[in-house]
Amino acid sequence: MKVQQFLEHHGLNQNPFSQEDAQTDPLFQKLCADGTFHPAWDKIYGDPSHPSTAVVFGEKGSGKTALRLQIVDHTAKYNTEHPDDRVFIVDYDDFNPFLDSFNEKVGWAGARPEKTLSKWRLWDHIDCILSLATTHIVDDLLKDKSAGASGPFQVSTDRISNLTRVQKRDLLLLAAFYDRSTDIAQLHRWSSLRRKLGIPNWRSYCDFSIGMAVTLAIFGILAQQGTLSQFGGWWPWVVILAGWAPWLWHQSQLFMLAWKSSRQIRVLDRQVNQLRSILSNFDPKDLVGQPIPARDRSDDRYELLTKLQNILESLGFESITVLVDRVDEPHLINGSPERMKALIWSMFDNKFLKHAGIGFKLLLPIEISFYLTREDKEFYERSRLDKQNLIRTLEWTGESLFDLANDRARACAINPDPSISIKKWFDDAISEGELVGTLARLRVPRHLFKFLHRLLVEHCHRYTDESPRWVIDRETLQSSLAIYLRDLEAYDRGLGTG
């Protein structure tokens, strides 16, 4: 007996439980993103017009990635309905590029990852967020777009005229330090952005022009007098050096600034000379008094974050939502709770999490929640987790899992039918209460999907195409559950593959 036969008999055109990861689950993305929510959804999502922070701990498979995708989906709909008051999304879920650069600059050969990650600070997170947001903005502004409406998170080039000259300068400043792209050379990309914004840079050549003018003048005077042989003496070179002195002094200052910034922006690979070349294209007056990420502190980063918000506001984005997910996946973390704590703990800062106009959605593995009980009073005073919409565990009851399974089954129906229920898959001797109690032992959606898929396969293997059985009996349900829970326990102890 084939699984597809069983499903078609119950009015389904596909297996609702064949996928386990929301990231790659077409059924979730196309059919269920709108109708199936965790009971704590409203607390986590909040009101997009007034961004709020939520700190969520959940075990593997509890639906953290599904929550992230749902937040993006609902924010996209909100942006479509409010084109002038949109929410800018920063997907902070791929830590590998940042951790690689950080490890190269901070770590050393043979150093344990825990030792390296213990040096991660709050401003490193801010640098990552600034880099992701700035790169997104620059990509959109430089991308050739066809006519038509822009996407819900797209930065439209039509709004460049809304930027003041100061905001254009600030965007160029952010791009100089934080734009991260491997498509073209950074200097060429920055220059393209400058031209797109319509910012001239002729003032940056004043010192160079003076040095060149003095050099040509000395050469011309001596050539006219027929005394070029005087270049063998010292005085022409002293005059030429004096002419070039302002340029040399300015370039040496920019080199030191670029060197310090390259060292302090530890999550990005910034080449010193390339950064110096970019900074040399600024009007020197535009760099005076600006927050430069050249020191080991967060103050400059907060000011740059505010500049980013002002730029986005002029581009049609009233607020920012930062989605933090997949903390356990980077190769430097490798699922270690201790390393995850070292990476994330600096984010628990009330000033950061309550920054005006930004909502942080921290979707974290439950393994690191146990460290909260070990923290002292100072940590809780600094983090103020009582104000951050804290959800200590992303729990699913048997009833909510039962509803989730039914929602997915109805989404796979050949013909729309609200009466479709997985209860009809089971023998009448199995009551709905017993089925709900059985599903409750699975705890999270991923285990629910894995178990029901296994159960369907096991049931169908017991019968032939000629003698099918369209309901699952109690013995098959209980035996399959016992085997699955045994395998799950082995996996939790690290003895199986799951």
Foldseek 3Di string as FASTA:
>chain_A
DDLCVLLVVLFFRDALQPDQDCVPDVLCVPPVLPPADFPCLCLQLPDQLFFAAEAAAAAPQFCLVSSVSSSVVVLQVVLVVQVQAHAAEQEAADQQLLVVLQCVQQNDPPDALLVSLLPDAPLLVLLVRLQRLLQQQLCLLLDDDDDDDDGSNGQDLVLLVLDDPLLLLLSLQSLLQRHDDDPDDSLVSSVSSCVSSPPQQPLLCPLVVQLVVLLVVLVVVCVVVVNPVCVVDDPSVVSSCVSNVVVVVVLVVLLVLLVLSCSQNRRDRRDSVSSSVSVSSHNVVSPPPQLRSRDNDCPSSLVSVVSSCVSVSSSRYQAYEYEYDNLCPHPSNVNPLSSSCSNCLNCLFCCNCPPGRYYYYHHHYLSNLVCVVVDDPVSCVGNVVVRRNYHNYSWDALVSLQVVVQSSSQSRGPDRDSPRGCVVQADPVQDPVNNSVLSRVLTHNSSVSVLVVVLSVVQQVVDDPVDHDNHHYPVSSVVSSVVSVVQVVCVVVVNHDD
